[in-house]
C-alpha atoms as a PDB file:
ATOM      1  CA  UNK A   1     -12.372-109.915 -55.759  1.00  0.00           C
ATOM      2  CA  UNK A   2     -10.289-107.066 -57.174  1.00  0.00           C
ATOM      3  CA  UNK A   3      -9.956-103.839 -55.236  1.00  0.00           C
ATOM      4  CA  UNK A   4     -11.012-100.576 -56.892  1.00  0.00           C
ATOM      5  CA  UNK A   5      -8.453 -97.789 -56.846  1.00  0.00           C
ATOM      6  CA  UNK A   6      -9.992 -94.386 -56.219  1.00  0.00           C
ATOM      7  CA  UNK A   7      -8.740 -90.942 -57.131  1.00  0.00           C
ATOM      8  CA  UNK A   8      -8.355 -88.234 -54.516  1.00  0.00           C
ATOM      9  CA  UNK A   9     -11.481 -86.561 -55.906  1.00  0.00           C
ATOM     10  CA  UNK A  10     -13.506 -89.774 -55.594  1.00  0.00           C
ATOM     11  CA  UNK A  11     -12.338 -90.289 -51.995  1.00  0.00           C
ATOM     12  CA  UNK A  12     -13.233 -86.701 -51.138  1.00  0.00           C
ATOM     13  CA  UNK A  13     -16.693 -87.161 -52.615  1.00  0.00           C
ATOM     14  CA  UNK A  14     -17.280 -90.406 -50.693  1.00  0.00           C
ATOM     15  CA  UNK A  15     -16.162 -88.767 -47.430  1.00  0.00           C
ATOM     16  CA  UNK A  16     -18.130 -85.595 -48.119  1.00  0.00           C
ATOM     17  CA  UNK A  17     -15.042 -83.394 -47.845  1.00  0.00           C
ATOM     18  CA  UNK A  18     -12.869 -81.279 -50.085  1.00  0.00           C
ATOM     19  CA  UNK A  19      -9.887 -82.809 -51.892  1.00  0.00           C
ATOM     20  CA  UNK A  20      -7.600 -81.194 -49.346  1.00  0.00           C
ATOM     21  CA  UNK A  21      -8.562 -83.682 -46.605  1.00  0.00           C
ATOM     22  CA  UNK A  22      -7.585 -86.907 -48.453  1.00  0.00           C
ATOM     23  CA  UNK A  23      -4.419 -85.188 -49.683  1.00  0.00           C
ATOM     24  CA  UNK A  24      -3.543 -84.377 -46.072  1.00  0.00           C
ATOM     25  CA  UNK A  25      -4.182 -88.009 -45.059  1.00  0.00           C
ATOM     26  CA  UNK A  26      -1.767 -89.072 -47.794  1.00  0.00           C
ATOM     27  CA  UNK A  27       0.873 -86.491 -46.847  1.00  0.00           C
ATOM     28  CA  UNK A  28       0.705 -87.532 -43.176  1.00  0.00           C
ATOM     29  CA  UNK A  29       0.769 -91.245 -44.166  1.00  0.00           C
ATOM     30  CA  UNK A  30      -2.488 -91.846 -42.287  1.00  0.00           C
ATOM     31  CA  UNK A  31      -4.061 -93.850 -45.141  1.00  0.00           C
ATOM     32  CA  UNK A  32      -2.704 -96.491 -47.498  1.00  0.00           C
ATOM     33  CA  UNK A  33      -2.130 -95.240 -51.038  1.00  0.00           C
ATOM     34  CA  UNK A  34      -0.546 -96.378 -54.291  1.00  0.00           C
ATOM     35  CA  UNK A  35       1.618 -94.269 -56.584  1.00  0.00           C
ATOM     36  CA  UNK A  36       0.960 -94.968 -60.263  1.00  0.00           C
ATOM     37  CA  UNK A  37       3.551 -92.832 -61.984  1.00  0.00           C
ATOM     38  CA  UNK A  38       2.764 -89.344 -60.766  1.00  0.00           C
ATOM     39  CA  UNK A  39      -0.817 -90.269 -59.907  1.00  0.00           C
ATOM     40  CA  UNK A  40      -2.008 -91.251 -56.436  1.00  0.00           C
ATOM     41  CA  UNK A  41      -4.729 -93.837 -55.918  1.00  0.00           C
ATOM     42  CA  UNK A  42      -6.341 -95.083 -52.725  1.00  0.00           C
ATOM     43  CA  UNK A  43      -7.591 -98.675 -52.594  1.00  0.00           C
ATOM     44  CA  UNK A  44     -11.267 -98.834 -51.686  1.00  0.00           C
ATOM     45  CA  UNK A  45     -10.450-101.363 -48.945  1.00  0.00           C
ATOM     46  CA  UNK A  46      -7.974 -98.872 -47.413  1.00  0.00           C
ATOM     47  CA  UNK A  47     -10.693 -96.212 -47.336  1.00  0.00           C
ATOM     48  CA  UNK A  48     -13.086 -98.602 -45.569  1.00  0.00           C
ATOM     49  CA  UNK A  49     -10.330 -99.587 -43.108  1.00  0.00           C
ATOM     50  CA  UNK A  50      -9.629 -95.905 -42.380  1.00  0.00           C
ATOM     51  CA  UNK A  51     -13.323 -95.229 -41.757  1.00  0.00           C
ATOM     52  CA  UNK A  52     -13.647 -98.310 -39.515  1.00  0.00           C
ATOM     53  CA  UNK A  53     -10.536 -97.369 -37.512  1.00  0.00           C
ATOM     54  CA  UNK A  54     -11.860 -93.862 -36.892  1.00  0.00           C
ATOM     55  CA  UNK A  55     -15.477 -94.721 -36.141  1.00  0.00           C
ATOM     56  CA  UNK A  56     -16.489 -93.793 -32.593  1.00  0.00           C
ATOM     57  CA  UNK A  57     -19.138 -95.950 -30.943  1.00  0.00           C
ATOM     58  CA  UNK A  58     -21.713 -94.382 -28.599  1.00  0.00           C
ATOM     59  CA  UNK A  59     -21.623 -95.201 -24.889  1.00  0.00           C
ATOM     60  CA  UNK A  60     -25.298 -96.028 -24.628  1.00  0.00           C
ATOM     61  CA  UNK A  61     -27.715 -94.532 -22.101  1.00  0.00           C
ATOM     62  CA  UNK A  62     -25.583 -92.118 -20.089  1.00  0.00           C
ATOM     63  CA  UNK A  63     -28.525 -90.646 -18.186  1.00  0.00           C
ATOM     64  CA  UNK A  64     -28.764 -93.652 -15.886  1.00  0.00           C
ATOM     65  CA  UNK A  65     -25.072 -93.386 -14.941  1.00  0.00           C
ATOM     66  CA  UNK A  66     -25.364 -89.657 -14.237  1.00  0.00           C
ATOM     67  CA  UNK A  67     -28.225 -89.921 -11.729  1.00  0.00           C
ATOM     68  CA  UNK A  68     -27.366 -89.150  -8.139  1.00  0.00           C
ATOM     69  CA  UNK A  69     -28.778 -90.875  -5.142  1.00  0.00           C
ATOM     70  CA  UNK A  70     -30.899 -88.575  -3.029  1.00  0.00           C
END
């Protein structure tokens, strides 16, 4: 299956951010990208990998661990 290459604007729309955020990720080399001439494209799989790597899982029911014995 071929990977789709997304523009910075498309990545920003998918993340629900401005274009500045994906551009910062590219500048800081925090996401994989491809240079096509002067254009920058982000593979869709790289975007999913970035989201997966930065997803925070909940702890669960914290109330039971915070109870004190009387």
